[in-house]
Amino acid sequence: MILQASRRQPNSDMPVAVVGGGGTQTAELLRRITGLPVEELTPYQAARSQREWRAVVVENYDQPASRGLSACAAARWQLARHTGVIVVGLDDAEGRRLAAAMPGMVFAYSDGRPQADLTAKNVRLRGGRLEFEALTDGELTRVRAPWRGEPRLYDHLAALAGALALDVPLEEAAAALSGENRARVGSIA
């Protein structure tokens, strides 16, 4: 597990930032799960931001044009000074680099990497739903999320990881994400 207990405590007025290129569902899903104010920022807006954030969820689905950092990755480093927790994907090299450089500040998610704080297992599309098992260090819960248009696993994982990083229990976050009652898969002893 990458996240450690030493995090800055946010005040109740601080929003959550979702940084990305736009056109994703992460912010909408995170609002639904947490009920918190969530602001969507472009990498440029994030790099210029001087405000404090309850958490920063960085979508890094774009790859850099050259060997340098992508715009989202550069914004992620900038915002690290203004938050207590950064949520990143470990399925890209920039996310892994940040997680290694900032232990204790990073809550990581992945589609299969066991070192992430939240890992998706047994991902599948069935009956107009995106289904997967959400695995943390101590819990395993099935998620059945309806999807409109195209299934966006990383949007759902980023939103779920953001909620977990904000101390929303996995079972509660998965239920909100699913929008339906579903059975618990089990706990890991």
C-alpha atoms as a PDB file:
ATOM      1  CA  MET A   1       0.000   0.000   0.000  1.00  0.00           C
ATOM      2  CA  ILE A   2       1.471   3.336  -1.059  1.00  0.00           C
ATOM      3  CA  LEU A   3      -0.597   5.779   1.011  1.00  0.00           C
ATOM      4  CA  GLN A   4       0.663   6.440   4.517  1.00  0.00           C
ATOM      5  CA  ALA A   5      -1.042   8.115   7.477  1.00  0.00           C
ATOM      6  CA  SER A   6       0.923  11.390   7.381  1.00  0.00           C
ATOM      7  CA  ARG A   7      -1.387  13.636   5.349  1.00  0.00           C
ATOM      8  CA  ARG A   8      -2.318  17.279   5.746  1.00  0.00           C
ATOM      9  CA  GLN A   9      -5.900  17.564   7.048  1.00  0.00           C
ATOM     10  CA  PRO A  10      -8.208  19.597   4.787  1.00  0.00           C
ATOM     11  CA  ASN A  11     -10.787  22.046   6.051  1.00  0.00           C
ATOM     12  CA  SER A  12     -14.440  21.606   5.150  1.00  0.00           C
ATOM     13  CA  ASP A  13     -14.444  24.417   2.559  1.00  0.00           C
ATOM     14  CA  MET A  14     -11.797  22.935   0.311  1.00  0.00           C
ATOM     15  CA  PRO A  15     -12.940  21.439  -3.011  1.00  0.00           C
ATOM     16  CA  VAL A  16     -11.461  18.450  -4.788  1.00  0.00           C
ATOM     17  CA  ALA A  17      -9.603  19.089  -8.053  1.00  0.00           C
ATOM     18  CA  VAL A  18      -9.804  16.777 -11.049  1.00  0.00           C
ATOM     19  CA  VAL A  19      -7.054  17.609 -13.531  1.00  0.00           C
ATOM     20  CA  GLY A  20      -7.224  16.349 -17.085  1.00  0.00           C
ATOM     21  CA  GLY A  21      -7.881  17.086 -20.686  1.00  0.00           C
ATOM     22  CA  GLY A  22     -11.661  17.152 -20.278  1.00  0.00           C
ATOM     23  CA  GLY A  23     -14.298  14.916 -21.765  1.00  0.00           C
ATOM     24  CA  THR A  24     -14.165  12.346 -18.974  1.00  0.00           C
ATOM     25  CA  GLN A  25     -16.656  11.292 -16.319  1.00  0.00           C
ATOM     26  CA  THR A  26     -14.314  11.359 -13.320  1.00  0.00           C
ATOM     27  CA  ALA A  27     -15.470  14.653 -11.766  1.00  0.00           C
ATOM     28  CA  GLU A  28     -19.162  13.822 -12.177  1.00  0.00           C
ATOM     29  CA  LEU A  29     -18.658  10.376 -10.648  1.00  0.00           C
ATOM     30  CA  LEU A  30     -16.597  11.770  -7.770  1.00  0.00           C
ATOM     31  CA  ARG A  31     -19.318  14.334  -6.981  1.00  0.00           C
ATOM     32  CA  ARG A  32     -21.907  11.552  -6.928  1.00  0.00           C
ATOM     33  CA  ILE A  33     -19.828   9.349  -4.631  1.00  0.00           C
ATOM     34  CA  THR A  34     -18.647  11.994  -2.145  1.00  0.00           C
ATOM     35  CA  GLY A  35     -21.178  14.819  -2.320  1.00  0.00           C
ATOM     36  CA  LEU A  36     -18.217  17.221  -2.198  1.00  0.00           C
ATOM     37  CA  PRO A  37     -17.557  20.164  -4.500  1.00  0.00           C
ATOM     38  CA  VAL A  38     -15.334  19.011  -7.360  1.00  0.00           C
ATOM     39  CA  GLU A  39     -13.660  21.387  -9.797  1.00  0.00           C
ATOM     40  CA  GLU A  40     -12.373  20.287 -13.178  1.00  0.00           C
ATOM     41  CA  LEU A  41      -9.099  21.907 -14.221  1.00  0.00           C
ATOM     42  CA  THR A  42      -7.067  21.774 -17.391  1.00  0.00           C
ATOM     43  CA  PRO A  43      -3.357  21.182 -16.803  1.00  0.00           C
ATOM     44  CA  TYR A  44      -2.747  24.877 -17.526  1.00  0.00           C
ATOM     45  CA  GLN A  45      -5.321  25.996 -14.941  1.00  0.00           C
ATOM     46  CA  ALA A  46      -3.876  23.550 -12.419  1.00  0.00           C
ATOM     47  CA  ALA A  47      -0.315  24.781 -12.959  1.00  0.00           C
ATOM     48  CA  ARG A  48      -1.434  28.362 -12.296  1.00  0.00           C
ATOM     49  CA  SER A  49      -3.564  27.476  -9.268  1.00  0.00           C
ATOM     50  CA  GLN A  50      -2.430  28.712  -5.894  1.00  0.00           C
ATOM     51  CA  ARG A  51      -5.428  27.494  -3.863  1.00  0.00           C
ATOM     52  CA  GLU A  52      -5.510  24.619  -1.414  1.00  0.00           C
ATOM     53  CA  TRP A  53      -7.325  21.443  -2.442  1.00  0.00           C
ATOM     54  CA  ARG A  54      -8.882  18.728  -0.309  1.00  0.00           C
ATOM     55  CA  ALA A  55      -7.460  16.216  -2.802  1.00  0.00           C
ATOM     56  CA  VAL A  56      -6.176  16.260  -6.360  1.00  0.00           C
ATOM     57  CA  VAL A  57      -7.203  13.521  -8.792  1.00  0.00           C
ATOM     58  CA  VAL A  58      -5.023  13.613 -11.877  1.00  0.00           C
ATOM     59  CA  GLU A  59      -6.186  11.907 -15.019  1.00  0.00           C
ATOM     60  CA  ASN A  60      -3.150  11.189 -17.093  1.00  0.00           C
ATOM     61  CA  TYR A  61      -4.623   9.446 -20.073  1.00  0.00           C
ATOM     62  CA  ASP A  62      -2.623  11.522 -22.551  1.00  0.00           C
ATOM     63  CA  GLN A  63       0.932  10.635 -23.403  1.00  0.00           C
ATOM     64  CA  PRO A  64       3.645  13.296 -23.706  1.00  0.00           C
ATOM     65  CA  ALA A  65       4.559  14.350 -27.229  1.00  0.00           C
ATOM     66  CA  SER A  66       8.244  14.005 -26.421  1.00  0.00           C
ATOM     67  CA  ARG A  67      10.336  12.376 -23.733  1.00  0.00           C
ATOM     68  CA  GLY A  68       9.284  15.058 -21.220  1.00  0.00           C
ATOM     69  CA  LEU A  69       6.318  15.098 -18.895  1.00  0.00           C
ATOM     70  CA  SER A  70       2.776  15.295 -20.186  1.00  0.00           C
ATOM     71  CA  ALA A  71       0.815  18.421 -19.264  1.00  0.00           C
ATOM     72  CA  CYS A  72      -1.148  16.460 -16.654  1.00  0.00           C
ATOM     73  CA  ALA A  73       2.028  15.125 -15.062  1.00  0.00           C
ATOM     74  CA  ALA A  74       3.570  18.591 -14.844  1.00  0.00           C
ATOM     75  CA  ALA A  75       0.386  19.926 -13.221  1.00  0.00           C
ATOM     76  CA  ARG A  76       0.420  17.033 -10.762  1.00  0.00           C
ATOM     77  CA  TRP A  77       3.863  18.034  -9.471  1.00  0.00           C
ATOM     78  CA  GLN A  78       2.746  21.672  -9.129  1.00  0.00           C
ATOM     79  CA  LEU A  79      -0.425  20.809  -7.197  1.00  0.00           C
ATOM     80  CA  ALA A  80       1.437  18.555  -4.778  1.00  0.00           C
ATOM     81  CA  ARG A  81       2.311  21.738  -2.862  1.00  0.00           C
ATOM     82  CA  HIS A  82      -1.374  22.585  -2.408  1.00  0.00           C
ATOM     83  CA  THR A  83      -2.940  19.349  -1.180  1.00  0.00           C
ATOM     84  CA  GLY A  84      -2.546  16.550   1.296  1.00  0.00           C
ATOM     85  CA  VAL A  85      -3.260  13.723  -1.154  1.00  0.00           C
ATOM     86  CA  ILE A  86      -2.802  13.176  -4.873  1.00  0.00           C
ATOM     87  CA  VAL A  87      -4.661  10.367  -6.634  1.00  0.00           C
ATOM     88  CA  VAL A  88      -2.751   8.879  -9.576  1.00  0.00           C
ATOM     89  CA  GLY A  89      -2.847   5.874 -11.858  1.00  0.00           C
ATOM     90  CA  LEU A  90       0.067   3.447 -11.675  1.00  0.00           C
ATOM     91  CA  ASP A  91      -0.585   2.163 -15.180  1.00  0.00           C
ATOM     92  CA  ASP A  92       1.548   4.929 -16.654  1.00  0.00           C
ATOM     93  CA  ALA A  93       5.199   5.666 -15.958  1.00  0.00           C
ATOM     94  CA  GLU A  94       4.537   9.229 -14.762  1.00  0.00           C
ATOM     95  CA  GLY A  95       2.100   8.015 -12.109  1.00  0.00           C
ATOM     96  CA  ARG A  96       4.625   5.441 -10.886  1.00  0.00           C
ATOM     97  CA  ARG A  97       7.353   8.098 -10.794  1.00  0.00           C
ATOM     98  CA  LEU A  98       5.234  10.445  -8.653  1.00  0.00           C
ATOM     99  CA  ALA A  99       4.188   7.638  -6.307  1.00  0.00           C
ATOM    100  CA  ALA A 100       7.828   6.705  -5.743  1.00  0.00           C
ATOM    101  CA  ALA A 101       8.896  10.332  -5.221  1.00  0.00           C
ATOM    102  CA  MET A 102       6.105  11.320  -2.820  1.00  0.00           C
ATOM    103  CA  PRO A 103       5.305   8.416  -0.494  1.00  0.00           C
ATOM    104  CA  GLY A 104       2.606   9.344   1.977  1.00  0.00           C
ATOM    105  CA  MET A 105       0.941  11.821  -0.377  1.00  0.00           C
ATOM    106  CA  VAL A 106      -0.095   9.484  -3.181  1.00  0.00           C
ATOM    107  CA  PHE A 107      -3.164   7.263  -3.339  1.00  0.00           C
ATOM    108  CA  ALA A 108      -2.694   5.021  -6.360  1.00  0.00           C
ATOM    109  CA  TYR A 109      -5.090   3.019  -8.519  1.00  0.00           C
ATOM    110  CA  SER A 110      -4.487   0.501 -11.272  1.00  0.00           C
ATOM    111  CA  ASP A 111      -6.054  -1.974 -13.619  1.00  0.00           C
ATOM    112  CA  GLY A 112      -4.212  -4.957 -12.176  1.00  0.00           C
ATOM    113  CA  ARG A 113      -1.053  -3.676 -10.438  1.00  0.00           C
ATOM    114  CA  PRO A 114      -1.087  -5.176  -6.928  1.00  0.00           C
ATOM    115  CA  GLN A 115       1.066  -2.405  -5.409  1.00  0.00           C
ATOM    116  CA  ALA A 116      -1.740   0.143  -5.955  1.00  0.00           C
ATOM    117  CA  ASP A 117      -4.001   1.197  -3.081  1.00  0.00           C
ATOM    118  CA  LEU A 118      -6.980   0.311  -5.306  1.00  0.00           C
ATOM    119  CA  THR A 119      -6.778  -2.345  -7.999  1.00  0.00           C
ATOM    120  CA  ALA A 120      -9.409  -3.458 -10.506  1.00  0.00           C
ATOM    121  CA  LYS A 121      -9.675  -7.190 -11.052  1.00  0.00           C
ATOM    122  CA  ASN A 122     -11.873  -9.268 -13.376  1.00  0.00           C
ATOM    123  CA  VAL A 123     -12.956  -6.306 -15.504  1.00  0.00           C
ATOM    124  CA  ARG A 124     -15.736  -7.027 -17.996  1.00  0.00           C
ATOM    125  CA  LEU A 125     -18.638  -5.482 -19.889  1.00  0.00           C
ATOM    126  CA  ARG A 126     -21.980  -7.132 -19.371  1.00  0.00           C
ATOM    127  CA  GLY A 127     -25.540  -6.005 -20.031  1.00  0.00           C
ATOM    128  CA  GLY A 128     -24.772  -2.295 -20.411  1.00  0.00           C
ATOM    129  CA  ARG A 129     -22.597  -2.255 -17.309  1.00  0.00           C
ATOM    130  CA  LEU A 130     -18.923  -2.021 -16.549  1.00  0.00           C
ATOM    131  CA  GLU A 131     -18.182  -4.641 -13.896  1.00  0.00           C
ATOM    132  CA  PHE A 132     -15.053  -5.177 -11.852  1.00  0.00           C
ATOM    133  CA  GLU A 133     -13.874  -6.179  -8.422  1.00  0.00           C
ATOM    134  CA  ALA A 134     -12.337  -3.325  -6.448  1.00  0.00           C
ATOM    135  CA  LEU A 135      -9.474  -4.613  -4.320  1.00  0.00           C
ATOM    136  CA  THR A 136      -7.789  -2.649  -1.531  1.00  0.00           C
ATOM    137  CA  ASP A 137      -5.365  -3.775   1.139  1.00  0.00           C
ATOM    138  CA  GLY A 138      -8.207  -5.219   3.219  1.00  0.00           C
ATOM    139  CA  GLU A 139     -11.381  -5.361   1.138  1.00  0.00           C
ATOM    140  CA  LEU A 140     -12.766  -6.781  -2.057  1.00  0.00           C
ATOM    141  CA  THR A 141     -16.023  -5.380  -3.423  1.00  0.00           C
ATOM    142  CA  ARG A 142     -17.860  -5.876  -6.702  1.00  0.00           C
ATOM    143  CA  VAL A 143     -18.659  -2.741  -8.702  1.00  0.00           C
ATOM    144  CA  ARG A 144     -21.373  -2.765 -11.363  1.00  0.00           C
ATOM    145  CA  ALA A 145     -21.468   0.680 -12.934  1.00  0.00           C
ATOM    146  CA  PRO A 146     -23.894   1.586 -15.700  1.00  0.00           C
ATOM    147  CA  TRP A 147     -22.215   3.227 -18.670  1.00  0.00           C
ATOM    148  CA  ARG A 148     -23.444   5.633 -21.265  1.00  0.00           C
ATOM    149  CA  GLY A 149     -21.812   5.590 -24.665  1.00  0.00           C
ATOM    150  CA  GLU A 150     -18.499   3.965 -23.910  1.00  0.00           C
ATOM    151  CA  PRO A 151     -17.159   2.214 -20.839  1.00  0.00           C
ATOM    152  CA  ARG A 152     -14.510   4.304 -19.117  1.00  0.00           C
ATOM    153  CA  LEU A 153     -12.730   2.053 -16.628  1.00  0.00           C
ATOM    154  CA  TYR A 154     -10.122   4.658 -15.691  1.00  0.00           C
ATOM    155  CA  ASP A 155     -12.778   7.322 -15.020  1.00  0.00           C
ATOM    156  CA  HIS A 156     -14.510   4.932 -12.631  1.00  0.00           C
ATOM    157  CA  LEU A 157     -11.239   3.847 -11.006  1.00  0.00           C
ATOM    158  CA  ALA A 158     -10.025   7.439 -10.560  1.00  0.00           C
ATOM    159  CA  ALA A 159     -13.333   8.496  -8.984  1.00  0.00           C
ATOM    160  CA  LEU A 160     -13.437   5.462  -6.707  1.00  0.00           C
ATOM    161  CA  ALA A 161      -9.790   5.975  -5.691  1.00  0.00           C
ATOM    162  CA  GLY A 162     -10.475   9.668  -5.048  1.00  0.00           C
ATOM    163  CA  ALA A 163     -13.355   8.757  -2.755  1.00  0.00           C
ATOM    164  CA  LEU A 164     -11.237   6.202  -0.886  1.00  0.00           C
ATOM    165  CA  ALA A 165      -8.427   8.745  -0.486  1.00  0.00           C
ATOM    166  CA  LEU A 166     -11.034  11.037   1.098  1.00  0.00           C
ATOM    167  CA  ASP A 167     -11.904   8.304   3.613  1.00  0.00           C
ATOM    168  CA  VAL A 168     -15.187   7.191   2.048  1.00  0.00           C
ATOM    169  CA  PRO A 169     -15.556   3.475   2.892  1.00  0.00           C
ATOM    170  CA  LEU A 170     -15.109   1.188  -0.118  1.00  0.00           C
ATOM    171  CA  GLU A 171     -18.521  -0.441   0.259  1.00  0.00           C
ATOM    172  CA  GLU A 172     -20.265   2.951   0.375  1.00  0.00           C
ATOM    173  CA  ALA A 173     -18.248   4.353  -2.549  1.00  0.00           C
ATOM    174  CA  ALA A 174     -18.910   1.287  -4.696  1.00  0.00           C
ATOM    175  CA  ALA A 175     -22.644   1.463  -3.943  1.00  0.00           C
ATOM    176  CA  ALA A 176     -22.766   5.129  -4.960  1.00  0.00           C
ATOM    177  CA  LEU A 177     -20.766   4.426  -8.103  1.00  0.00           C
ATOM    178  CA  SER A 178     -23.011   1.517  -9.027  1.00  0.00           C
ATOM    179  CA  GLY A 179     -26.226   3.388  -8.328  1.00  0.00           C
ATOM    180  CA  GLU A 180     -27.805   0.109  -7.238  1.00  0.00           C
ATOM    181  CA  ASN A 181     -27.717  -2.384  -4.412  1.00  0.00           C
ATOM    182  CA  ARG A 182     -25.165  -5.078  -4.918  1.00  0.00           C
ATOM    183  CA  ALA A 183     -23.738  -7.926  -2.934  1.00  0.00           C
ATOM    184  CA  ARG A 184     -20.401  -7.666  -1.239  1.00  0.00           C
ATOM    185  CA  VAL A 185     -17.748 -10.002  -2.589  1.00  0.00           C
ATOM    186  CA  GLY A 186     -15.902 -10.302   0.740  1.00  0.00           C
ATOM    187  CA  SER A 187     -13.247  -9.010   3.083  1.00  0.00           C
ATOM    188  CA  ILE A 188      -9.633  -9.976   3.137  1.00  0.00           C
ATOM    189  CA  ALA A 189      -8.481 -11.078   6.558  1.00  0.00           C
END
